[in-house]
């Protein structure tokens, strides 16, 4: 699906859309791995607040977003494709600041250059007890100053047009803590995006490409 509006107009419309009631679980379930349940942490669970940044920017006339591949040495989600982000620290005023701080620390994007558009619905990852809040930001030009190699193996650019192409949605067998299972996701340029990241992407795409809002 092509973007037929100028970037400025489309991003402004999307920002307004984020102020409305979000689809949340209706979108998340589309990319939910089998055997997993959509849930929020109970009061008895000592979960961790965290935030990620869905960073949008133009490349050669198309809107792209930035993902990263986590190092294989990490304790949680080793080797997986994710958004920049991490655990909320006590000095963070809110989860938006968490997402901005982590993005600057991990991939060298100056937080002052990011226009925050809004937030998507949180996703709870039961296996690691993280409640992840996705923050969406706009960057006029992607210009990182260096990555933190302890947190990031590589930066991956993905266009929204590729994400919207149904040919890039598929299932693959993946090794998980509960065994090898077939999971839904997005496969683009040899990179397979699944799990919580794919669930967040599903909601993002449902909102961004809502025909009723264009």
Protein backbone atom coordinates (compact mmCIF):
# COMPACT_ATOMS: atom_id res chain seq x y z
CA UNK A 1 0.00 0.00 0.00
CA UNK A 2 1.55 3.29 -1.08
CA UNK A 3 1.56 6.48 0.94
CA UNK A 4 -0.32 8.96 -1.23
CA UNK A 5 -0.04 11.97 1.03
CA UNK A 6 2.98 14.14 1.75
CA UNK A 7 4.98 13.06 4.76
CA UNK A 8 4.06 16.18 6.68
CA UNK A 9 0.32 15.74 6.17
CA UNK A 10 0.38 11.98 6.80
CA UNK A 11 2.40 12.27 10.01
CA UNK A 12 0.08 14.99 11.33
CA UNK A 13 -2.93 12.77 10.63
CA UNK A 14 -1.25 9.83 12.33
CA UNK A 15 -0.47 11.95 15.38
CA UNK A 16 -4.18 12.80 15.67
CA UNK A 17 -5.09 9.13 15.26
CA UNK A 18 -2.95 8.24 18.29
CA UNK A 19 -5.20 10.45 20.42
CA UNK A 20 -8.19 8.19 19.68
CA UNK A 21 -9.11 4.83 21.19
CA UNK A 22 -6.40 2.38 20.14
CA UNK A 23 -7.08 -1.14 18.82
CA UNK A 24 -4.68 -2.74 21.33
CA UNK A 25 -5.40 -6.46 21.77
CA UNK A 26 -7.42 -6.59 18.53
CA UNK A 27 -4.18 -5.86 16.67
CA UNK A 28 -1.78 -7.67 18.99
CA UNK A 29 -3.51 -11.03 18.61
CA UNK A 30 -2.68 -11.06 14.89
CA UNK A 31 1.00 -11.63 15.71
CA UNK A 32 0.58 -13.55 18.98
CA UNK A 33 2.75 -16.69 19.12
CA UNK A 34 0.78 -19.93 19.68
CA UNK A 35 0.29 -21.02 23.26
CA UNK A 36 0.64 -17.46 24.55
CA UNK A 37 -2.14 -15.40 26.09
CA UNK A 38 -2.72 -11.68 25.87
CA UNK A 39 -2.63 -10.35 29.40
CA UNK A 40 -1.62 -7.55 31.71
CA UNK A 41 0.52 -8.21 34.80
CA UNK A 42 -1.44 -8.74 37.99
CA UNK A 43 -0.79 -6.76 41.14
CA UNK A 44 1.02 -9.80 42.53
CA UNK A 45 3.67 -9.72 39.80
CA UNK A 46 6.69 -7.49 40.25
CA UNK A 47 6.84 -6.52 36.59
CA UNK A 48 9.27 -4.03 35.04
CA UNK A 49 8.10 -0.87 33.27
CA UNK A 50 9.92 -0.33 30.00
CA UNK A 51 9.56 1.63 26.78
CA UNK A 52 10.68 1.36 23.17
CA UNK A 53 10.91 3.91 20.38
CA UNK A 54 9.22 3.37 17.01
CA UNK A 55 11.26 5.94 15.13
CA UNK A 56 9.96 7.13 11.75
CA UNK A 57 11.98 9.07 9.18
CA UNK A 58 12.14 9.63 5.39
CA UNK A 59 14.53 7.76 3.11
CA UNK A 60 14.41 8.40 -0.66
CA UNK A 61 10.80 9.55 -0.61
CA UNK A 62 9.47 6.72 1.58
CA UNK A 63 8.80 6.59 5.31
CA UNK A 64 10.99 4.09 7.14
CA UNK A 65 11.36 2.95 10.72
CA UNK A 66 14.39 1.84 12.67
CA UNK A 67 14.79 -1.56 14.30
CA UNK A 68 17.83 -3.16 15.88
CA UNK A 69 19.23 -6.64 16.31
CA UNK A 70 20.10 -7.53 19.87
CA UNK A 71 23.48 -9.21 20.56
CA UNK A 72 23.42 -12.99 21.02
CA UNK A 73 25.04 -12.51 24.44
CA UNK A 74 22.05 -10.74 26.04
CA UNK A 75 20.10 -12.40 28.87
CA UNK A 76 16.68 -11.67 27.40
CA UNK A 77 15.67 -11.75 23.71
CA UNK A 78 19.21 -12.52 22.53
CA UNK A 79 19.67 -12.13 18.78
CA UNK A 80 16.12 -10.92 18.22
CA UNK A 81 15.04 -7.92 16.18
CA UNK A 82 13.51 -5.21 18.36
CA UNK A 83 12.95 -1.50 18.71
CA UNK A 84 15.50 0.62 20.61
CA UNK A 85 14.45 0.81 24.24
CA UNK A 86 14.75 -0.65 27.69
CA UNK A 87 13.81 -0.56 31.34
CA UNK A 88 12.55 2.63 32.95
CA UNK A 89 15.12 4.12 35.33
CA UNK A 90 14.22 6.02 38.47
CA UNK A 91 15.49 9.30 37.00
CA UNK A 92 13.10 9.04 34.02
CA UNK A 93 10.17 11.44 34.41
CA UNK A 94 7.95 9.14 32.36
CA UNK A 95 8.06 6.34 29.79
CA UNK A 96 8.45 8.80 26.92
CA UNK A 97 11.69 9.96 28.49
CA UNK A 98 12.72 6.32 28.91
CA UNK A 99 12.24 5.69 25.18
CA UNK A 100 14.13 8.85 24.20
CA UNK A 101 17.00 8.16 26.61
CA UNK A 102 17.39 4.54 25.53
CA UNK A 103 17.30 5.48 21.85
CA UNK A 104 20.06 8.01 22.36
CA UNK A 105 22.14 5.59 24.42
CA UNK A 106 21.71 2.61 22.12
CA UNK A 107 21.85 4.07 18.60
CA UNK A 108 23.12 7.63 19.10
CA UNK A 109 20.00 9.56 18.08
CA UNK A 110 19.84 12.94 19.83
CA UNK A 111 16.60 13.02 21.82
CA UNK A 112 16.23 16.74 21.05
CA UNK A 113 15.81 15.91 17.35
CA UNK A 114 12.89 13.52 17.88
CA UNK A 115 9.30 14.79 17.67
CA UNK A 116 7.17 12.55 19.88
CA UNK A 117 3.91 11.72 18.07
CA UNK A 118 2.26 9.66 20.78
CA UNK A 119 2.11 6.17 22.28
CA UNK A 120 0.67 2.80 21.34
CA UNK A 121 -0.91 0.23 23.64
CA UNK A 122 1.48 -1.48 26.08
CA UNK A 123 2.47 -5.12 25.56
CA UNK A 124 3.18 -7.40 28.51
CA UNK A 125 5.93 -9.99 27.97
CA UNK A 126 5.21 -12.66 30.55
CA UNK A 127 8.41 -14.61 30.03
CA UNK A 128 10.56 -11.66 31.18
CA UNK A 129 7.94 -9.71 33.22
CA UNK A 130 8.33 -6.55 31.14
CA UNK A 131 5.41 -4.23 30.41
CA UNK A 132 6.55 -2.48 27.23
CA UNK A 133 5.12 0.92 26.24
CA UNK A 134 5.77 1.79 22.56
CA UNK A 135 6.46 5.49 21.91
CA UNK A 136 6.28 6.76 18.32
CA UNK A 137 8.65 9.50 17.17
CA UNK A 138 9.44 11.39 13.97
CA UNK A 139 12.94 12.31 12.81
CA UNK A 140 13.46 14.62 9.84
CA UNK A 141 16.71 12.86 8.98
CA UNK A 142 18.29 9.73 10.41
CA UNK A 143 21.78 10.59 11.58
CA UNK A 144 23.09 8.34 14.33
CA UNK A 145 26.39 9.14 16.02
CA UNK A 146 27.32 5.61 17.01
CA UNK A 147 25.76 2.48 18.49
CA UNK A 148 26.31 0.81 21.84
CA UNK A 149 27.71 -2.55 20.75
CA UNK A 150 26.83 -4.13 24.11
CA UNK A 151 23.13 -3.51 23.36
CA UNK A 152 22.97 -3.46 19.56
CA UNK A 153 24.52 -5.69 16.89
CA UNK A 154 23.14 -3.75 13.93
CA UNK A 155 20.57 -1.14 12.88
CA UNK A 156 17.89 -2.26 10.44
CA UNK A 157 15.84 0.09 8.26
CA UNK A 158 12.38 -1.09 7.17
CA UNK A 159 9.99 0.85 4.93
CA UNK A 160 6.32 1.10 5.84
CA UNK A 161 5.45 -0.03 2.32
CA UNK A 162 7.34 -3.30 2.87
CA UNK A 163 5.59 -3.82 6.20
CA UNK A 164 2.20 -3.25 4.55
CA UNK A 165 2.92 -5.78 1.79
CA UNK A 166 1.01 -8.98 2.62
CA UNK A 167 3.73 -11.05 0.90
CA UNK A 168 6.05 -10.13 3.78
CA UNK A 169 3.82 -11.68 6.45
CA UNK A 170 4.61 -15.32 7.15
CA UNK A 171 5.21 -17.99 9.77
CA UNK A 172 8.54 -19.47 10.77
CA UNK A 173 9.71 -22.04 13.27
CA UNK A 174 11.64 -20.42 16.11
CA UNK A 175 13.41 -21.76 19.20
CA UNK A 176 11.88 -20.36 22.39
CA UNK A 177 12.19 -21.08 26.10
CA UNK A 178 9.14 -23.33 25.79
CA UNK A 179 10.46 -25.23 22.78
CA UNK A 180 10.43 -24.89 19.02
CA UNK A 181 7.19 -23.37 17.75
CA UNK A 182 5.83 -21.87 14.53
CA UNK A 183 5.21 -18.14 15.02
CA UNK A 184 3.72 -15.37 12.86
CA UNK A 185 5.80 -12.38 11.86
CA UNK A 186 7.19 -10.13 9.16
CA UNK A 187 10.07 -11.26 6.94
CA UNK A 188 11.77 -8.35 5.16
CA UNK A 189 15.17 -8.43 3.46
CA UNK A 190 16.05 -11.67 5.24
CA UNK A 191 15.12 -10.34 8.68
CA UNK A 192 12.31 -12.08 10.60
CA UNK A 193 10.43 -9.86 13.09
CA UNK A 194 8.23 -11.70 15.59
CA UNK A 195 7.05 -11.77 19.20
CA UNK A 196 6.29 -8.56 21.08
CA UNK A 197 7.91 -6.43 18.37
CA UNK A 198 5.62 -7.88 15.70
CA UNK A 199 2.61 -7.38 17.99
CA UNK A 200 3.47 -3.68 18.38
CA UNK A 201 4.00 -3.41 14.63
CA UNK A 202 0.57 -4.93 13.99
CA UNK A 203 -1.11 -2.18 16.02
CA UNK A 204 1.05 0.53 14.43
CA UNK A 205 0.14 -0.65 10.94
CA UNK A 206 -3.58 -0.96 11.73
CA UNK A 207 -3.60 2.67 12.85
CA UNK A 208 -1.26 4.14 10.24
CA UNK A 209 -3.03 2.49 7.30
CA UNK A 210 -6.58 2.91 8.57
CA UNK A 211 -8.41 3.76 5.35
CA UNK A 212 -11.12 5.58 7.30
CA UNK A 213 -8.58 8.13 8.49
CA UNK A 214 -6.77 8.85 5.20
